[in-house]
Amino acid sequence: MRIDILTIFPEMFPGILDVGMLRIAQEKGLVDFRLHDFRDFAKGLHRNVDDRPFGGGPGMVLKPEPIYECLESFIPRDGPQPTMIALTPQGERYNQNMAQELAQQDWLVLLAGRYEGFDQRIIDGLRLREISIGDYVLTGGELPALVLVDSIVRLRPGVLGDADSATEESFSFGLLDHPHYTRPVEFRGMQVPEVLRSGDHARIARWRREQAEATTRRNRPDLLPPGEGGERRDD
């Protein structure tokens, strides 16, 4: 898998991309990260990538020319084309299903916005898919881009040491994850539940399912359908 990231702050990425599973994925040849500073494609003495918005208003807007030229420098006119994503507060809210969908792609391009966002001609002309990681605003799209990278790459075959780790976790079956325990059996008066020490795999599976449902009902009832403890949604 290849992932290209467009940003004016490429120095934000190496620390995250070079540790843990992301480093291992690169060492195994399972993912290829490429960073692009689209300020390198800006014109003029100050290489401005932004300008004031038409119609007035606060802030600055990212100009189309540097981003188009940056993309054209490494995406061929003919041949395979990447899936291109803009990280914006206006985008689809990101979830595990989207991570699994994007993990099937061989080439992703992530555009990290800044300031008041992208000139709309970047979104429309390049047919970008807009994605938001939540209902809040950050100073830029670099952190959301890293969230996508981490959640996607870990789903690629061979990245995680245990293939079941990516399937037996929160959101994989529409529920939050069940509680986990390890040694010691007793810690400061708190015991590992007896069922997990029983060796009865059927009982353990039932317990884990019940605990996952209870955790979801308590913390994220919106994930459950009405009639099963979920909230009714009118949208």
Protein backbone atom coordinates (compact mmCIF):
# COMPACT_ATOMS: atom_id res chain seq x y z
CA MET A 1 0.00 0.00 0.00
CA ARG A 2 1.19 3.50 -0.86
CA ILE A 3 0.05 6.57 1.08
CA ASP A 4 0.98 10.08 -0.08
CA ILE A 5 0.35 12.96 2.30
CA LEU A 6 0.15 16.61 1.22
CA THR A 7 0.90 19.14 3.95
CA ILE A 8 2.79 22.35 4.61
CA PHE A 9 4.17 20.80 7.81
CA PRO A 10 5.82 17.51 6.76
CA GLU A 11 7.98 17.66 9.88
CA MET A 12 4.92 16.68 11.94
CA PHE A 13 4.87 13.15 10.53
CA PRO A 14 8.20 11.30 10.91
CA GLY A 15 7.95 10.84 14.69
CA ILE A 16 4.65 8.99 14.38
CA LEU A 17 5.36 7.13 11.16
CA ASP A 18 8.70 5.80 12.41
CA VAL A 19 7.54 3.99 15.56
CA GLY A 20 5.48 0.95 16.48
CA MET A 21 3.38 -0.88 13.94
CA LEU A 22 3.76 1.86 11.33
CA ARG A 23 7.54 1.42 11.41
CA ILE A 24 7.21 -2.36 11.27
CA ALA A 25 4.79 -2.13 8.34
CA GLN A 26 7.35 -0.07 6.42
CA GLU A 27 10.20 -2.44 7.29
CA LYS A 28 8.10 -5.36 6.00
CA GLY A 29 7.43 -3.48 2.77
CA LEU A 30 3.68 -3.45 3.48
CA VAL A 31 3.28 0.32 3.27
CA ASP A 32 5.14 3.16 1.56
CA PHE A 33 4.67 6.65 3.03
CA ARG A 34 5.53 9.69 0.91
CA LEU A 35 5.33 13.24 2.25
CA HIS A 36 4.84 16.25 -0.01
CA ASP A 37 5.16 19.89 1.02
CA PHE A 38 2.83 21.66 -1.37
CA ARG A 39 4.42 24.98 -0.40
CA ASP A 40 7.25 23.86 -2.70
CA PHE A 41 4.86 24.46 -5.59
CA ALA A 42 3.76 27.95 -4.55
CA LYS A 43 4.80 30.95 -6.63
CA GLY A 44 6.22 34.29 -5.60
CA LEU A 45 8.83 35.52 -3.16
CA HIS A 46 6.98 34.32 -0.08
CA ARG A 47 5.57 31.12 -1.62
CA ASN A 48 2.09 31.83 -0.31
CA VAL A 49 -0.29 28.87 -0.36
CA ASP A 50 -3.27 30.86 0.94
CA ASP A 51 -5.19 34.05 0.19
CA ARG A 52 -8.18 36.02 1.44
CA PRO A 53 -11.65 34.61 0.74
CA PHE A 54 -13.89 36.11 -1.92
CA GLY A 55 -16.95 37.66 -0.31
CA GLY A 56 -15.06 38.69 2.80
CA GLY A 57 -14.85 37.02 6.16
CA PRO A 58 -12.10 36.00 8.58
CA GLY A 59 -9.12 33.79 7.90
CA MET A 60 -7.38 32.65 4.77
CA VAL A 61 -8.20 29.96 2.19
CA LEU A 62 -5.80 27.46 0.60
CA LYS A 63 -5.16 28.31 -3.05
CA PRO A 64 -5.77 25.69 -5.74
CA GLU A 65 -2.60 26.15 -7.81
CA PRO A 66 0.03 24.70 -5.41
CA ILE A 67 -2.11 21.67 -4.55
CA TYR A 68 -2.97 20.86 -8.16
CA GLU A 69 0.66 21.20 -9.23
CA CYS A 70 1.88 19.11 -6.31
CA LEU A 71 -0.51 16.28 -7.21
CA GLU A 72 0.37 16.50 -10.89
CA SER A 73 4.04 16.07 -10.00
CA PHE A 74 3.56 12.44 -8.90
CA ILE A 75 0.18 11.20 -10.18
CA PRO A 76 0.44 10.03 -13.80
CA ARG A 77 -2.17 11.14 -16.33
CA ASP A 78 -2.56 7.55 -17.45
CA GLY A 79 -2.47 4.39 -15.40
CA PRO A 80 -3.67 3.59 -11.87
CA GLN A 81 -5.16 6.49 -9.94
CA PRO A 82 -5.21 6.91 -6.15
CA THR A 83 -8.18 7.41 -3.88
CA MET A 84 -7.85 11.04 -2.79
CA ILE A 85 -9.14 12.30 0.55
CA ALA A 86 -9.33 15.78 2.05
CA LEU A 87 -9.40 15.99 5.85
CA THR A 88 -12.07 18.60 6.58
CA PRO A 89 -14.60 19.32 9.37
CA GLN A 90 -17.33 19.23 6.70
CA GLY A 91 -16.59 15.65 5.67
CA GLU A 92 -18.21 12.30 6.41
CA ARG A 93 -17.64 11.29 10.02
CA TYR A 94 -14.95 8.64 10.10
CA ASN A 95 -15.67 5.18 11.52
CA GLN A 96 -14.32 1.64 11.53
CA ASN A 97 -16.29 0.62 8.45
CA MET A 98 -14.60 3.41 6.49
CA ALA A 99 -11.20 2.33 7.81
CA GLN A 100 -11.86 -1.22 6.60
CA GLU A 101 -13.02 0.07 3.22
CA LEU A 102 -9.94 2.28 2.74
CA ALA A 103 -7.62 -0.52 3.89
CA GLN A 104 -8.61 -2.38 0.72
CA GLN A 105 -7.13 0.35 -1.48
CA ASP A 106 -3.60 0.11 -2.83
CA TRP A 107 -2.97 3.85 -3.11
CA LEU A 108 -4.28 6.69 -0.97
CA VAL A 109 -3.57 10.41 -1.13
CA LEU A 110 -4.40 12.44 1.98
CA LEU A 111 -4.66 16.23 1.85
CA ALA A 112 -4.14 18.00 5.17
CA GLY A 113 -5.85 21.37 5.13
CA ARG A 114 -5.02 24.52 7.08
CA TYR A 115 -6.52 27.94 7.83
CA GLU A 116 -10.19 28.26 6.78
CA GLY A 117 -9.89 25.24 4.49
CA PHE A 118 -9.60 24.46 0.80
CA ASP A 119 -10.72 26.56 -2.14
CA GLN A 120 -13.83 24.62 -3.24
CA ARG A 121 -12.30 24.09 -6.68
CA ILE A 122 -9.78 21.77 -5.05
CA ILE A 123 -12.60 19.61 -3.69
CA ASP A 124 -14.75 19.73 -6.82
CA GLY A 125 -12.10 19.62 -9.53
CA LEU A 126 -10.12 16.79 -7.98
CA ARG A 127 -13.25 14.92 -6.85
CA LEU A 128 -11.89 14.57 -3.35
CA ARG A 129 -13.67 12.55 -0.72
CA GLU A 130 -14.02 14.67 2.41
CA ILE A 131 -13.58 12.96 5.77
CA SER A 132 -13.85 14.33 9.31
CA ILE A 133 -12.59 12.48 12.39
CA GLY A 134 -15.17 14.12 14.67
CA ASP A 135 -17.46 17.02 15.36
CA TYR A 136 -14.80 19.51 16.39
CA VAL A 137 -12.26 21.76 14.67
CA LEU A 138 -8.47 21.41 14.77
CA THR A 139 -5.80 23.83 13.56
CA GLY A 140 -5.01 21.60 10.61
CA GLY A 141 -5.54 18.28 8.91
CA GLU A 142 -2.23 16.70 9.89
CA LEU A 143 -3.50 14.98 13.04
CA PRO A 144 -6.63 13.67 11.25
CA ALA A 145 -4.38 12.36 8.47
CA LEU A 146 -2.33 10.46 11.05
CA VAL A 147 -5.52 9.05 12.58
CA LEU A 148 -6.52 7.68 9.18
CA VAL A 149 -3.04 6.31 8.53
CA ASP A 150 -2.86 4.45 11.85
CA SER A 151 -6.39 3.03 11.66
CA ILE A 152 -6.01 1.94 8.02
CA VAL A 153 -2.49 0.50 7.98
CA ARG A 154 -3.12 -1.74 11.00
CA LEU A 155 -5.87 -3.47 9.01
CA ARG A 156 -3.58 -4.43 6.15
CA PRO A 157 -2.72 -8.15 6.09
CA GLY A 158 0.57 -8.90 7.84
CA VAL A 159 0.85 -5.66 9.82
CA LEU A 160 -0.48 -6.91 13.17
CA GLY A 161 1.27 -9.87 14.73
CA ASP A 162 -2.07 -11.58 15.46
CA ALA A 163 -4.54 -11.35 12.59
CA ASP A 164 -7.47 -11.76 15.01
CA SER A 165 -6.49 -8.53 16.80
CA ALA A 166 -8.07 -6.44 14.05
CA THR A 167 -11.34 -8.38 14.07
CA GLU A 168 -11.94 -8.85 17.79
CA GLU A 169 -12.03 -5.23 18.93
CA SER A 170 -14.32 -2.25 19.35
CA PHE A 171 -16.61 -1.44 16.40
CA SER A 172 -15.69 -4.55 14.43
CA PHE A 173 -19.14 -6.05 15.10
CA GLY A 174 -21.04 -2.85 15.80
CA LEU A 175 -20.23 -3.01 19.52
CA LEU A 176 -17.56 -1.65 21.81
CA ASP A 177 -14.94 -4.10 23.03
CA HIS A 178 -15.32 -6.29 26.11
CA PRO A 179 -13.08 -5.84 29.19
CA HIS A 180 -9.61 -7.42 29.10
CA TYR A 181 -7.55 -8.87 31.96
CA THR A 182 -4.05 -10.27 32.37
CA ARG A 183 -1.84 -11.45 35.24
CA PRO A 184 -1.85 -11.19 38.21
CA VAL A 185 -5.19 -12.81 39.08
CA GLU A 186 -5.59 -10.46 42.07
CA PHE A 187 -4.43 -6.85 42.15
CA ARG A 188 -5.16 -4.58 45.11
CA GLY A 189 -8.28 -6.52 45.97
CA MET A 190 -9.59 -6.64 42.40
CA GLN A 191 -10.01 -10.12 40.90
CA VAL A 192 -9.98 -11.37 37.34
CA PRO A 193 -13.55 -12.69 36.71
CA GLU A 194 -13.81 -16.41 37.40
CA VAL A 195 -15.31 -17.14 33.99
CA LEU A 196 -12.11 -16.03 32.24
CA ARG A 197 -10.14 -18.55 34.33
CA SER A 198 -12.61 -21.40 33.79
CA GLY A 199 -11.26 -22.70 30.49
CA ASP A 200 -14.86 -22.96 29.25
CA HIS A 201 -14.62 -21.25 25.87
CA ALA A 202 -18.37 -21.18 25.27
CA ARG A 203 -18.97 -19.46 28.62
CA ILE A 204 -16.13 -17.04 27.94
CA ALA A 205 -17.56 -16.14 24.52
CA ARG A 206 -21.02 -15.52 26.03
CA TRP A 207 -19.53 -13.40 28.84
CA ARG A 208 -17.52 -11.31 26.42
CA ARG A 209 -20.56 -10.69 24.24
CA GLU A 210 -22.67 -9.71 27.25
CA GLN A 211 -19.96 -7.38 28.52
CA ALA A 212 -19.55 -5.79 25.07
CA GLU A 213 -23.29 -5.17 24.86
CA ALA A 214 -23.37 -3.70 28.38
CA THR A 215 -20.41 -1.40 27.68
CA THR A 216 -21.98 -0.24 24.43
CA ARG A 217 -25.36 0.37 26.09
CA ARG A 218 -23.66 2.42 28.81
CA ASN A 219 -21.11 4.41 26.77
CA ARG A 220 -22.42 4.47 23.18
CA PRO A 221 -26.15 3.66 23.05
CA ASP A 222 -26.28 5.32 19.62
CA LEU A 223 -24.54 2.22 18.21
CA LEU A 224 -27.43 -0.04 19.23
CA PRO A 225 -30.67 -0.28 17.22
CA PRO A 226 -33.92 0.90 18.88
CA GLY A 227 -35.44 -1.88 20.91
CA GLU A 228 -32.02 -3.14 22.02
CA GLY A 229 -31.20 -0.24 24.27
CA GLY A 230 -30.22 2.08 21.43
CA GLU A 231 -31.31 5.65 20.95
CA ARG A 232 -33.96 6.45 18.39
CA ARG A 233 -32.54 8.59 15.59
CA ASP A 234 -34.68 10.79 13.38
CA ASP A 235 -31.95 11.85 10.93
